[in-house]
């Protein structure tokens, strides 16, 4: 379910001309055998993020996002910026 949703996002992003941007889905395992999940977005900069998320193609891909994410409670959100 989640993987298919992210595949739709990534297909739309690639169609927009950003094949090296998109989202990854990670399963984090702990020694206790509990699972946690993480989404990682890899977008080159804020301008590209804004452009991609404003496109109709991306909006169409995430049309059912709320339905697809039912039952998942985000724990935290981090944003990282590469220093040069």
C-alpha atoms as a PDB file:
ATOM      1  CA  UNK A   1       0.000   0.000   0.000  1.00  0.00           C
ATOM      2  CA  UNK A   2       2.601   2.584   1.094  1.00  0.00           C
ATOM      3  CA  UNK A   3       5.181   1.330  -1.387  1.00  0.00           C
ATOM      4  CA  UNK A   4       2.676   1.635  -4.251  1.00  0.00           C
ATOM      5  CA  UNK A   5       1.798   5.174  -3.159  1.00  0.00           C
ATOM      6  CA  UNK A   6       5.453   6.225  -3.128  1.00  0.00           C
ATOM      7  CA  UNK A   7       5.979   4.553  -6.508  1.00  0.00           C
ATOM      8  CA  UNK A   8       3.160   6.737  -7.882  1.00  0.00           C
ATOM      9  CA  UNK A   9       4.818   9.831  -6.385  1.00  0.00           C
ATOM     10  CA  UNK A  10       8.201   8.877  -7.825  1.00  0.00           C
ATOM     11  CA  UNK A  11       6.749   8.138 -11.272  1.00  0.00           C
ATOM     12  CA  UNK A  12       5.064  11.538 -11.333  1.00  0.00           C
ATOM     13  CA  UNK A  13       8.272  13.268 -10.185  1.00  0.00           C
ATOM     14  CA  UNK A  14      10.312  11.473 -12.873  1.00  0.00           C
ATOM     15  CA  UNK A  15       7.744  12.456 -15.545  1.00  0.00           C
ATOM     16  CA  UNK A  16       8.227  16.084 -14.486  1.00  0.00           C
ATOM     17  CA  UNK A  17      11.917  15.777 -15.349  1.00  0.00           C
ATOM     18  CA  UNK A  18      13.398  15.002 -11.911  1.00  0.00           C
ATOM     19  CA  UNK A  19      14.408  11.320 -12.141  1.00  0.00           C
ATOM     20  CA  UNK A  20      16.930  11.677  -9.289  1.00  0.00           C
ATOM     21  CA  UNK A  21      14.385  13.101  -6.846  1.00  0.00           C
ATOM     22  CA  UNK A  22      11.585  11.370  -4.989  1.00  0.00           C
ATOM     23  CA  UNK A  23      10.851   9.295  -1.920  1.00  0.00           C
ATOM     24  CA  UNK A  24      12.212   6.136  -0.315  1.00  0.00           C
ATOM     25  CA  UNK A  25      10.478   3.851   2.164  1.00  0.00           C
ATOM     26  CA  UNK A  26      12.537   2.281   4.922  1.00  0.00           C
ATOM     27  CA  UNK A  27      11.676  -0.354   7.519  1.00  0.00           C
ATOM     28  CA  UNK A  28      13.704   0.116  10.673  1.00  0.00           C
ATOM     29  CA  UNK A  29      14.125  -2.969  12.823  1.00  0.00           C
ATOM     30  CA  UNK A  30      15.087  -2.937  16.463  1.00  0.00           C
ATOM     31  CA  UNK A  31      16.578  -5.651  18.616  1.00  0.00           C
ATOM     32  CA  UNK A  32      13.128  -6.087  20.161  1.00  0.00           C
ATOM     33  CA  UNK A  33      11.750  -7.173  16.748  1.00  0.00           C
ATOM     34  CA  UNK A  34       9.496  -4.128  16.675  1.00  0.00           C
ATOM     35  CA  UNK A  35       9.237  -2.372  13.343  1.00  0.00           C
ATOM     36  CA  UNK A  36       9.155   1.313  12.597  1.00  0.00           C
ATOM     37  CA  UNK A  37       8.831   2.894   9.193  1.00  0.00           C
ATOM     38  CA  UNK A  38      10.492   5.931   7.726  1.00  0.00           C
ATOM     39  CA  UNK A  39       9.885   7.918   4.573  1.00  0.00           C
ATOM     40  CA  UNK A  40      12.849   9.741   3.104  1.00  0.00           C
ATOM     41  CA  UNK A  41      12.384  12.496   0.574  1.00  0.00           C
ATOM     42  CA  UNK A  42      15.347  13.345  -1.602  1.00  0.00           C
ATOM     43  CA  UNK A  43      14.827  16.609  -3.399  1.00  0.00           C
ATOM     44  CA  UNK A  44      17.723  18.857  -4.408  1.00  0.00           C
ATOM     45  CA  UNK A  45      16.445  22.104  -2.882  1.00  0.00           C
ATOM     46  CA  UNK A  46      13.388  23.995  -1.621  1.00  0.00           C
ATOM     47  CA  UNK A  47      12.699  25.506  -5.056  1.00  0.00           C
ATOM     48  CA  UNK A  48      12.481  22.038  -6.638  1.00  0.00           C
ATOM     49  CA  UNK A  49      10.336  20.734  -3.750  1.00  0.00           C
ATOM     50  CA  UNK A  50       7.903  23.614  -4.193  1.00  0.00           C
ATOM     51  CA  UNK A  51       7.814  23.186  -7.975  1.00  0.00           C
ATOM     52  CA  UNK A  52       7.201  19.410  -7.807  1.00  0.00           C
ATOM     53  CA  UNK A  53       4.524  19.602  -5.111  1.00  0.00           C
ATOM     54  CA  UNK A  54       2.712  22.368  -6.986  1.00  0.00           C
ATOM     55  CA  UNK A  55       2.393  20.395 -10.254  1.00  0.00           C
ATOM     56  CA  UNK A  56      -0.970  18.855 -11.126  1.00  0.00           C
ATOM     57  CA  UNK A  57       0.774  15.582 -11.993  1.00  0.00           C
ATOM     58  CA  UNK A  58       2.052  15.270  -8.422  1.00  0.00           C
ATOM     59  CA  UNK A  59      -1.241  16.442  -6.922  1.00  0.00           C
ATOM     60  CA  UNK A  60      -3.032  13.746  -8.905  1.00  0.00           C
ATOM     61  CA  UNK A  61      -0.586  11.121  -7.618  1.00  0.00           C
ATOM     62  CA  UNK A  62      -1.274  12.077  -4.023  1.00  0.00           C
ATOM     63  CA  UNK A  63      -5.031  12.503  -4.416  1.00  0.00           C
ATOM     64  CA  UNK A  64      -5.735   9.552  -2.104  1.00  0.00           C
ATOM     65  CA  UNK A  65      -2.820  10.205   0.218  1.00  0.00           C
ATOM     66  CA  UNK A  66      -4.908  10.633   3.357  1.00  0.00           C
ATOM     67  CA  UNK A  67      -6.680   7.346   2.698  1.00  0.00           C
ATOM     68  CA  UNK A  68      -3.397   5.572   2.020  1.00  0.00           C
ATOM     69  CA  UNK A  69      -1.852   6.831   5.247  1.00  0.00           C
ATOM     70  CA  UNK A  70      -4.786   5.999   7.550  1.00  0.00           C
ATOM     71  CA  UNK A  71      -3.594   4.308  10.684  1.00  0.00           C
ATOM     72  CA  UNK A  72      -0.071   5.707  10.500  1.00  0.00           C
ATOM     73  CA  UNK A  73       0.835   8.249  13.115  1.00  0.00           C
ATOM     74  CA  UNK A  74       3.874  10.380  12.363  1.00  0.00           C
ATOM     75  CA  UNK A  75       6.244  10.532  15.272  1.00  0.00           C
ATOM     76  CA  UNK A  76       8.659  13.167  14.087  1.00  0.00           C
ATOM     77  CA  UNK A  77       9.700  15.160  11.069  1.00  0.00           C
ATOM     78  CA  UNK A  78      13.267  16.168  10.348  1.00  0.00           C
ATOM     79  CA  UNK A  79      14.565  18.271   7.541  1.00  0.00           C
ATOM     80  CA  UNK A  80      18.224  18.170   6.635  1.00  0.00           C
ATOM     81  CA  UNK A  81      20.168  20.642   4.585  1.00  0.00           C
ATOM     82  CA  UNK A  82      23.542  19.784   3.122  1.00  0.00           C
ATOM     83  CA  UNK A  83      26.320  22.193   3.966  1.00  0.00           C
ATOM     84  CA  UNK A  84      28.892  23.076   1.358  1.00  0.00           C
END
